[in-house]
Amino acid sequence: MDGAVLSSLEDPAICSPRGVHVSETGQLLVCEDGAHSVVQVDGERGVVTLISVEDRLNFPENVYHSARTDRLIVVQANDSIMITNSK
């Protein structure tokens, strides 16, 4: 590792990013604290919301995608964990 920046992203669609996860399949997942959502950042489709406040998500802080079970595991600031099927 030489510390060189390989890529960066500034997108107004991403509000207060917190935890990030690169899945085993190469998906970049970002927790948006301000928007109460988890988004997937894709070079072709842009920013796609996977889970939101409408799904009762509240201040997501960290996310993990299990390729084996195809589930998202999200840690929330209210001391709870949400597990959901990937969409």
PDB file of N, CA and C in Angstrom:
ATOM      1  N   MET A   1       0.838  -1.177   0.000  1.00  0.00           N
ATOM      2  CA  MET A   1       0.000   0.000   0.000  1.00  0.00           C
ATOM      3  C   MET A   1       0.879   1.234   0.000  1.00  0.00           C
ATOM      4  N   ASP A   2       0.563   2.153  -0.916  1.00  0.00           N
ATOM      5  CA  ASP A   2       1.340   3.380  -0.973  1.00  0.00           C
ATOM      6  C   ASP A   2       0.527   4.605  -0.587  1.00  0.00           C
ATOM      7  N   GLY A   3      -0.756   4.427  -0.259  1.00  0.00           N
ATOM      8  CA  GLY A   3      -1.594   5.533   0.174  1.00  0.00           C
ATOM      9  C   GLY A   3      -2.144   6.380  -0.956  1.00  0.00           C
ATOM     10  N   ALA A   4      -1.936   5.982  -2.208  1.00  0.00           N
ATOM     11  CA  ALA A   4      -2.436   6.746  -3.348  1.00  0.00           C
ATOM     12  C   ALA A   4      -3.958   6.650  -3.418  1.00  0.00           C
ATOM     13  N   VAL A   5      -4.611   7.770  -3.701  1.00  0.00           N
ATOM     14  CA  VAL A   5      -6.064   7.803  -3.857  1.00  0.00           C
ATOM     15  C   VAL A   5      -6.410   7.171  -5.199  1.00  0.00           C
ATOM     16  N   LEU A   6      -7.227   6.142  -5.178  1.00  0.00           N
ATOM     17  CA  LEU A   6      -7.624   5.450  -6.399  1.00  0.00           C
ATOM     18  C   LEU A   6      -8.887   6.031  -6.996  1.00  0.00           C
ATOM     19  N   SER A   7      -9.759   6.532  -6.129  1.00  0.00           N
ATOM     20  CA  SER A   7     -11.027   7.072  -6.587  1.00  0.00           C
ATOM     21  C   SER A   7     -11.623   7.915  -5.473  1.00  0.00           C
ATOM     22  N   SER A   8     -12.434   8.881  -5.845  1.00  0.00           N
ATOM     23  CA  SER A   8     -13.168   9.657  -4.850  1.00  0.00           C
ATOM     24  C   SER A   8     -14.535   9.997  -5.427  1.00  0.00           C
ATOM     25  N   LEU A   9     -15.466  10.316  -4.547  1.00  0.00           N
ATOM     26  CA  LEU A   9     -16.828  10.603  -4.970  1.00  0.00           C
ATOM     27  C   LEU A   9     -17.372  11.756  -4.152  1.00  0.00           C
ATOM     28  N   GLU A  10     -17.902  12.734  -4.838  1.00  0.00           N
ATOM     29  CA  GLU A  10     -18.653  13.813  -4.200  1.00  0.00           C
ATOM     30  C   GLU A  10     -19.974  13.891  -4.935  1.00  0.00           C
ATOM     31  N   ASP A  11     -21.043  13.557  -4.243  1.00  0.00           N
ATOM     32  CA  ASP A  11     -22.358  13.524  -4.866  1.00  0.00           C
ATOM     33  C   ASP A  11     -23.359  14.129  -3.893  1.00  0.00           C
ATOM     34  N   PRO A  12     -24.079  15.166  -4.314  1.00  0.00           N
ATOM     35  CA  PRO A  12     -25.054  15.779  -3.407  1.00  0.00           C
ATOM     36  C   PRO A  12     -26.181  14.828  -3.013  1.00  0.00           C
ATOM     37  N   ALA A  13     -26.321  13.717  -3.725  1.00  0.00           N
ATOM     38  CA  ALA A  13     -27.350  12.736  -3.383  1.00  0.00           C
ATOM     39  C   ALA A  13     -26.986  11.949  -2.135  1.00  0.00           C
ATOM     40  N   ILE A  14     -25.710  11.989  -1.731  1.00  0.00           N
ATOM     41  CA  ILE A  14     -25.276  11.285  -0.528  1.00  0.00           C
ATOM     42  C   ILE A  14     -25.206  12.284   0.617  1.00  0.00           C
ATOM     43  N   CYS A  15     -26.034  12.056   1.643  1.00  0.00           N
ATOM     44  CA  CYS A  15     -26.193  13.001   2.747  1.00  0.00           C
ATOM     45  C   CYS A  15     -25.590  12.429   4.033  1.00  0.00           C
ATOM     46  N   SER A  16     -24.568  13.073   4.555  1.00  0.00           N
ATOM     47  CA  SER A  16     -23.910  12.668   5.803  1.00  0.00           C
ATOM     48  C   SER A  16     -23.482  11.200   5.787  1.00  0.00           C
ATOM     49  N   PRO A  17     -22.563  10.836   4.891  1.00  0.00           N
ATOM     50  CA  PRO A  17     -22.131   9.436   4.837  1.00  0.00           C
ATOM     51  C   PRO A  17     -21.434   9.009   6.114  1.00  0.00           C
ATOM     52  N   ARG A  18     -21.679   7.782   6.525  1.00  0.00           N
ATOM     53  CA  ARG A  18     -21.052   7.215   7.718  1.00  0.00           C
ATOM     54  C   ARG A  18     -20.287   5.959   7.322  1.00  0.00           C
ATOM     55  N   GLY A  19     -20.851   4.803   7.604  1.00  0.00           N
ATOM     56  CA  GLY A  19     -20.174   3.549   7.314  1.00  0.00           C
ATOM     57  C   GLY A  19     -20.214   3.195   5.839  1.00  0.00           C
ATOM     58  N   VAL A  20     -19.157   2.554   5.372  1.00  0.00           N
ATOM     59  CA  VAL A  20     -19.110   2.064   3.996  1.00  0.00           C
ATOM     60  C   VAL A  20     -18.718   0.587   4.011  1.00  0.00           C
ATOM     61  N   HIS A  21     -19.127  -0.108   2.971  1.00  0.00           N
ATOM     62  CA  HIS A  21     -18.796  -1.529   2.842  1.00  0.00           C
ATOM     63  C   HIS A  21     -18.671  -1.853   1.365  1.00  0.00           C
ATOM     64  N   VAL A  22     -17.617  -2.552   1.000  1.00  0.00           N
ATOM     65  CA  VAL A  22     -17.490  -3.102  -0.344  1.00  0.00           C
ATOM     66  C   VAL A  22     -17.800  -4.585  -0.220  1.00  0.00           C
ATOM     67  N   SER A  23     -18.882  -4.999  -0.864  1.00  0.00           N
ATOM     68  CA  SER A  23     -19.325  -6.386  -0.741  1.00  0.00           C
ATOM     69  C   SER A  23     -18.398  -7.323  -1.502  1.00  0.00           C
ATOM     70  N   GLU A  24     -18.594  -8.608  -1.263  1.00  0.00           N
ATOM     71  CA  GLU A  24     -17.800  -9.629  -1.942  1.00  0.00           C
ATOM     72  C   GLU A  24     -18.001  -9.587  -3.452  1.00  0.00           C
ATOM     73  N   THR A  25     -19.126  -9.029  -3.889  1.00  0.00           N
ATOM     74  CA  THR A  25     -19.421  -8.925  -5.318  1.00  0.00           C
ATOM     75  C   THR A  25     -19.014  -7.570  -5.898  1.00  0.00           C
ATOM     76  N   GLY A  26     -18.368  -6.733  -5.075  1.00  0.00           N
ATOM     77  CA  GLY A  26     -17.850  -5.453  -5.554  1.00  0.00           C
ATOM     78  C   GLY A  26     -18.786  -4.271  -5.429  1.00  0.00           C
ATOM     79  N   GLN A  27     -19.925  -4.433  -4.765  1.00  0.00           N
ATOM     80  CA  GLN A  27     -20.856  -3.320  -4.578  1.00  0.00           C
ATOM     81  C   GLN A  27     -20.342  -2.392  -3.484  1.00  0.00           C
ATOM     82  N   LEU A  28     -20.431  -1.084  -3.724  1.00  0.00           N
ATOM     83  CA  LEU A  28     -20.083  -0.094  -2.707  1.00  0.00           C
ATOM     84  C   LEU A  28     -21.367   0.341  -2.022  1.00  0.00           C
ATOM     85  N   LEU A  29     -21.476   0.053  -0.725  1.00  0.00           N
ATOM     86  CA  LEU A  29     -22.650   0.413   0.067  1.00  0.00           C
ATOM     87  C   LEU A  29     -22.264   1.507   1.041  1.00  0.00           C
ATOM     88  N   VAL A  30     -23.139   2.512   1.188  1.00  0.00           N
ATOM     89  CA  VAL A  30     -22.861   3.662   2.044  1.00  0.00           C
ATOM     90  C   VAL A  30     -24.056   3.913   2.948  1.00  0.00           C
ATOM     91  N   CYS A  31     -23.800   4.092   4.246  1.00  0.00           N
ATOM     92  CA  CYS A  31     -24.835   4.501   5.197  1.00  0.00           C
ATOM     93  C   CYS A  31     -24.953   6.012   5.154  1.00  0.00           C
ATOM     94  N   GLU A  32     -26.171   6.502   4.964  1.00  0.00           N
ATOM     95  CA  GLU A  32     -26.436   7.938   4.974  1.00  0.00           C
ATOM     96  C   GLU A  32     -27.156   8.280   6.270  1.00  0.00           C
ATOM     97  N   ASP A  33     -26.434   8.882   7.169  1.00  0.00           N
ATOM     98  CA  ASP A  33     -26.996   9.241   8.465  1.00  0.00           C
ATOM     99  C   ASP A  33     -28.090  10.296   8.317  1.00  0.00           C
ATOM    100  N   GLY A  34     -27.840  11.317   7.529  1.00  0.00           N
ATOM    101  CA  GLY A  34     -28.788  12.420   7.380  1.00  0.00           C
ATOM    102  C   GLY A  34     -30.072  12.039   6.677  1.00  0.00           C
ATOM    103  N   ALA A  35     -29.995  11.112   5.722  1.00  0.00           N
ATOM    104  CA  ALA A  35     -31.177  10.697   4.961  1.00  0.00           C
ATOM    105  C   ALA A  35     -31.798   9.411   5.505  1.00  0.00           C
ATOM    106  N   HIS A  36     -31.205   8.849   6.561  1.00  0.00           N
ATOM    107  CA  HIS A  36     -31.704   7.594   7.146  1.00  0.00           C
ATOM    108  C   HIS A  36     -31.844   6.519   6.069  1.00  0.00           C
ATOM    109  N   SER A  37     -30.758   6.273   5.330  1.00  0.00           N
ATOM    110  CA  SER A  37     -30.835   5.284   4.259  1.00  0.00           C
ATOM    111  C   SER A  37     -29.495   4.595   4.048  1.00  0.00           C
ATOM    112  N   VAL A  38     -29.548   3.487   3.334  1.00  0.00           N
ATOM    113  CA  VAL A  38     -28.356   2.799   2.849  1.00  0.00           C
ATOM    114  C   VAL A  38     -28.459   2.815   1.336  1.00  0.00           C
ATOM    115  N   VAL A  39     -27.396   3.286   0.689  1.00  0.00           N
ATOM    116  CA  VAL A  39     -27.401   3.390  -0.762  1.00  0.00           C
ATOM    117  C   VAL A  39     -26.293   2.541  -1.362  1.00  0.00           C
ATOM    118  N   GLN A  40     -26.494   2.182  -2.615  1.00  0.00           N
ATOM    119  CA  GLN A  40     -25.463   1.508  -3.396  1.00  0.00           C
ATOM    120  C   GLN A  40     -24.955   2.517  -4.409  1.00  0.00           C
ATOM    121  N   VAL A  41     -23.646   2.675  -4.476  1.00  0.00           N
ATOM    122  CA  VAL A  41     -23.037   3.593  -5.435  1.00  0.00           C
ATOM    123  C   VAL A  41     -22.543   2.753  -6.600  1.00  0.00           C
ATOM    124  N   ASP A  42     -23.059   3.066  -7.777  1.00  0.00           N
ATOM    125  CA  ASP A  42     -22.766   2.291  -8.975  1.00  0.00           C
ATOM    126  C   ASP A  42     -22.319   3.249 -10.071  1.00  0.00           C
ATOM    127  N   GLY A  43     -21.239   2.918 -10.753  1.00  0.00           N
ATOM    128  CA  GLY A  43     -20.718   3.769 -11.816  1.00  0.00           C
ATOM    129  C   GLY A  43     -21.682   3.968 -12.966  1.00  0.00           C
ATOM    130  N   GLU A  44     -22.562   3.012 -13.198  1.00  0.00           N
ATOM    131  CA  GLU A  44     -23.513   3.101 -14.305  1.00  0.00           C
ATOM    132  C   GLU A  44     -24.860   3.675 -13.881  1.00  0.00           C
ATOM    133  N   ARG A  45     -25.373   3.226 -12.736  1.00  0.00           N
ATOM    134  CA  ARG A  45     -26.707   3.659 -12.294  1.00  0.00           C
ATOM    135  C   ARG A  45     -26.670   4.818 -11.314  1.00  0.00           C
ATOM    136  N   GLY A  46     -25.512   5.201 -10.855  1.00  0.00           N
ATOM    137  CA  GLY A  46     -25.399   6.285  -9.887  1.00  0.00           C
ATOM    138  C   GLY A  46     -25.687   5.804  -8.479  1.00  0.00           C
ATOM    139  N   VAL A  47     -26.425   6.607  -7.720  1.00  0.00           N
ATOM    140  CA  VAL A  47     -26.751   6.296  -6.329  1.00  0.00           C
ATOM    141  C   VAL A  47     -28.157   5.702  -6.271  1.00  0.00           C
ATOM    142  N   VAL A  48     -28.256   4.477  -5.745  1.00  0.00           N
ATOM    143  CA  VAL A  48     -29.533   3.773  -5.665  1.00  0.00           C
ATOM    144  C   VAL A  48     -29.831   3.472  -4.199  1.00  0.00           C
ATOM    145  N   THR A  49     -30.995   3.891  -3.718  1.00  0.00           N
ATOM    146  CA  THR A  49     -31.392   3.636  -2.331  1.00  0.00           C
ATOM    147  C   THR A  49     -31.836   2.186  -2.175  1.00  0.00           C
ATOM    148  N   LEU A  50     -31.242   1.490  -1.203  1.00  0.00           N
ATOM    149  CA  LEU A  50     -31.593   0.097  -0.924  1.00  0.00           C
ATOM    150  C   LEU A  50     -32.563  -0.027   0.242  1.00  0.00           C
ATOM    151  N   ILE A  51     -32.322   0.742   1.308  1.00  0.00           N
ATOM    152  CA  ILE A  51     -33.176   0.754   2.501  1.00  0.00           C
ATOM    153  C   ILE A  51     -33.301   2.207   2.933  1.00  0.00           C
ATOM    154  N   SER A  52     -34.477   2.588   3.418  1.00  0.00           N
ATOM    155  CA  SER A  52     -34.663   3.985   3.822  1.00  0.00           C
ATOM    156  C   SER A  52     -35.501   4.084   5.088  1.00  0.00           C
ATOM    157  N   VAL A  53     -35.785   5.314   5.457  1.00  0.00           N
ATOM    158  CA  VAL A  53     -36.611   5.579   6.635  1.00  0.00           C
ATOM    159  C   VAL A  53     -37.996   4.952   6.464  1.00  0.00           C
ATOM    160  N   GLU A  54     -38.442   4.806   5.224  1.00  0.00           N
ATOM    161  CA  GLU A  54     -39.735   4.158   4.968  1.00  0.00           C
ATOM    162  C   GLU A  54     -39.729   2.691   5.400  1.00  0.00           C
ATOM    163  N   ASP A  55     -38.523   2.113   5.480  1.00  0.00           N
ATOM    164  CA  ASP A  55     -38.360   0.737   5.963  1.00  0.00           C
ATOM    165  C   ASP A  55     -38.065   0.704   7.466  1.00  0.00           C
ATOM    166  N   ARG A  56     -38.257   1.843   8.115  1.00  0.00           N
ATOM    167  CA  ARG A  56     -38.012   2.040   9.551  1.00  0.00           C
ATOM    168  C   ARG A  56     -36.528   2.051   9.902  1.00  0.00           C
ATOM    169  N   LEU A  57     -35.698   2.471   8.953  1.00  0.00           N
ATOM    170  CA  LEU A  57     -34.272   2.629   9.207  1.00  0.00           C
ATOM    171  C   LEU A  57     -34.059   3.955   9.920  1.00  0.00           C
ATOM    172  N   ASN A  58     -33.209   3.958  10.942  1.00  0.00           N
ATOM    173  CA  ASN A  58     -33.021   5.149  11.760  1.00  0.00           C
ATOM    174  C   ASN A  58     -31.538   5.348  12.061  1.00  0.00           C
ATOM    175  N   PHE A  59     -30.939   6.383  11.490  1.00  0.00           N
ATOM    176  CA  PHE A  59     -29.531   6.728  11.695  1.00  0.00           C
ATOM    177  C   PHE A  59     -28.599   5.523  11.496  1.00  0.00           C
ATOM    178  N   PRO A  60     -28.519   5.003  10.262  1.00  0.00           N
ATOM    179  CA  PRO A  60     -27.616   3.878  10.011  1.00  0.00           C
ATOM    180  C   PRO A  60     -26.162   4.289  10.171  1.00  0.00           C
ATOM    181  N   GLU A  61     -25.382   3.433  10.797  1.00  0.00           N
ATOM    182  CA  GLU A  61     -23.975   3.745  11.037  1.00  0.00           C
ATOM    183  C   GLU A  61     -23.019   2.800  10.327  1.00  0.00           C
ATOM    184  N   ASN A  62     -23.429   1.555  10.126  1.00  0.00           N
ATOM    185  CA  ASN A  62     -22.553   0.594   9.476  1.00  0.00           C
ATOM    186  C   ASN A  62     -23.404  -0.429   8.747  1.00  0.00           C
ATOM    187  N   VAL A  63     -22.866  -0.954   7.645  1.00  0.00           N
ATOM    188  CA  VAL A  63     -23.615  -1.907   6.832  1.00  0.00           C
ATOM    189  C   VAL A  63     -22.692  -3.036   6.387  1.00  0.00           C
ATOM    190  N   TYR A  64     -23.278  -4.224   6.269  1.00  0.00           N
ATOM    191  CA  TYR A  64     -22.556  -5.389   5.755  1.00  0.00           C
ATOM    192  C   TYR A  64     -23.501  -6.156   4.843  1.00  0.00           C
ATOM    193  N   HIS A  65     -23.004  -6.597   3.700  1.00  0.00           N
ATOM    194  CA  HIS A  65     -23.790  -7.434   2.793  1.00  0.00           C
ATOM    195  C   HIS A  65     -23.214  -8.837   2.796  1.00  0.00           C
ATOM    196  N   SER A  66     -24.058  -9.816   3.070  1.00  0.00           N
ATOM    197  CA  SER A  66     -23.647 -11.218   3.024  1.00  0.00           C
ATOM    198  C   SER A  66     -24.034 -11.790   1.667  1.00  0.00           C
ATOM    199  N   ALA A  67     -23.043 -12.140   0.867  1.00  0.00           N
ATOM    200  CA  ALA A  67     -23.317 -12.739  -0.441  1.00  0.00           C
ATOM    201  C   ALA A  67     -23.925 -14.134  -0.278  1.00  0.00           C
ATOM    202  N   ARG A  68     -23.565 -14.816   0.786  1.00  0.00           N
ATOM    203  CA  ARG A  68     -24.071 -16.172   1.017  1.00  0.00           C
ATOM    204  C   ARG A  68     -25.577 -16.178   1.254  1.00  0.00           C
ATOM    205  N   THR A  69     -26.065 -15.227   2.056  1.00  0.00           N
ATOM    206  CA  THR A  69     -27.498 -15.178   2.373  1.00  0.00           C
ATOM    207  C   THR A  69     -28.238 -14.098   1.593  1.00  0.00           C
ATOM    208  N   ASP A  70     -27.508 -13.241   0.881  1.00  0.00           N
ATOM    209  CA  ASP A  70     -28.053 -12.092   0.149  1.00  0.00           C
ATOM    210  C   ASP A  70     -28.872 -11.190   1.077  1.00  0.00           C
ATOM    211  N   ARG A  71     -28.294 -10.914   2.247  1.00  0.00           N
ATOM    212  CA  ARG A  71     -28.947 -10.041   3.222  1.00  0.00           C
ATOM    213  C   ARG A  71     -28.059  -8.857   3.556  1.00  0.00           C
ATOM    214  N   LEU A  72     -28.705  -7.753   3.904  1.00  0.00           N
ATOM    215  CA  LEU A  72     -28.010  -6.573   4.411  1.00  0.00           C
ATOM    216  C   LEU A  72     -28.171  -6.549   5.922  1.00  0.00           C
ATOM    217  N   ILE A  73     -27.084  -6.279   6.610  1.00  0.00           N
ATOM    218  CA  ILE A  73     -27.097  -6.158   8.064  1.00  0.00           C
ATOM    219  C   ILE A  73     -26.668  -4.734   8.377  1.00  0.00           C
ATOM    220  N   VAL A  74     -27.547  -3.982   9.028  1.00  0.00           N
ATOM    221  CA  VAL A  74     -27.308  -2.563   9.268  1.00  0.00           C
ATOM    222  C   VAL A  74     -27.337  -2.281  10.763  1.00  0.00           C
ATOM    223  N   VAL A  75     -26.266  -1.663  11.266  1.00  0.00           N
ATOM    224  CA  VAL A  75     -26.203  -1.219  12.655  1.00  0.00           C
ATOM    225  C   VAL A  75     -26.729   0.209  12.694  1.00  0.00           C
ATOM    226  N   GLN A  76     -27.656   0.471  13.631  1.00  0.00           N
ATOM    227  CA  GLN A  76     -28.262   1.792  13.746  1.00  0.00           C
ATOM    228  C   GLN A  76     -27.830   2.474  15.042  1.00  0.00           C
ATOM    229  N   ALA A  77     -27.907   3.801  15.047  1.00  0.00           N
ATOM    230  CA  ALA A  77     -27.471   4.588  16.201  1.00  0.00           C
ATOM    231  C   ALA A  77     -28.353   4.371  17.425  1.00  0.00           C
ATOM    232  N   ASN A  78     -29.546   3.840  17.240  1.00  0.00           N
ATOM    233  CA  ASN A  78     -30.451   3.617  18.376  1.00  0.00           C
ATOM    234  C   ASN A  78     -30.221   2.248  19.019  1.00  0.00           C
ATOM    235  N   ASP A  79     -28.989   1.733  18.902  1.00  0.00           N
ATOM    236  CA  ASP A  79     -28.598   0.463  19.520  1.00  0.00           C
ATOM    237  C   ASP A  79     -29.386  -0.730  18.997  1.00  0.00           C
ATOM    238  N   SER A  80     -29.746  -0.695  17.721  1.00  0.00           N
ATOM    239  CA  SER A  80     -30.441  -1.837  17.137  1.00  0.00           C
ATOM    240  C   SER A  80     -29.760  -2.248  15.830  1.00  0.00           C
ATOM    241  N   ILE A  81     -30.060  -3.451  15.409  1.00  0.00           N
ATOM    242  CA  ILE A  81     -29.520  -3.998  14.169  1.00  0.00           C
ATOM    243  C   ILE A  81     -30.694  -4.425  13.301  1.00  0.00           C
ATOM    244  N   MET A  82     -30.681  -3.992  12.043  1.00  0.00           N
ATOM    245  CA  MET A  82     -31.715  -4.375  11.091  1.00  0.00           C
ATOM    246  C   MET A  82     -31.113  -5.368  10.100  1.00  0.00           C
ATOM    247  N   ILE A  83     -31.813  -6.470   9.882  1.00  0.00           N
ATOM    248  CA  ILE A  83     -31.401  -7.457   8.889  1.00  0.00           C
ATOM    249  C   ILE A  83     -32.519  -7.549   7.862  1.00  0.00           C
ATOM    250  N   THR A  84     -32.164  -7.383   6.594  1.00  0.00           N
ATOM    251  CA  THR A  84     -33.168  -7.390   5.541  1.00  0.00           C
ATOM    252  C   THR A  84     -32.634  -8.105   4.310  1.00  0.00           C
ATOM    253  N   ASN A  85     -33.535  -8.639   3.515  1.00  0.00           N
ATOM    254  CA  ASN A  85     -33.134  -9.238   2.251  1.00  0.00           C
ATOM    255  C   ASN A  85     -32.700  -8.139   1.297  1.00  0.00           C
ATOM    256  N   SER A  86     -31.708  -8.424   0.477  1.00  0.00           N
ATOM    257  CA  SER A  86     -31.287  -7.458  -0.540  1.00  0.00           C
ATOM    258  C   SER A  86     -32.397  -7.319  -1.563  1.00  0.00           C
ATOM    259  N   LYS A  87     -32.497  -6.126  -2.129  1.00  0.00           N
ATOM    260  CA  LYS A  87     -33.543  -5.882  -3.132  1.00  0.00           C
ATOM    261  C   LYS A  87     -32.988  -6.082  -4.514  1.00  0.00           C
TER     262      LYS A  87
END
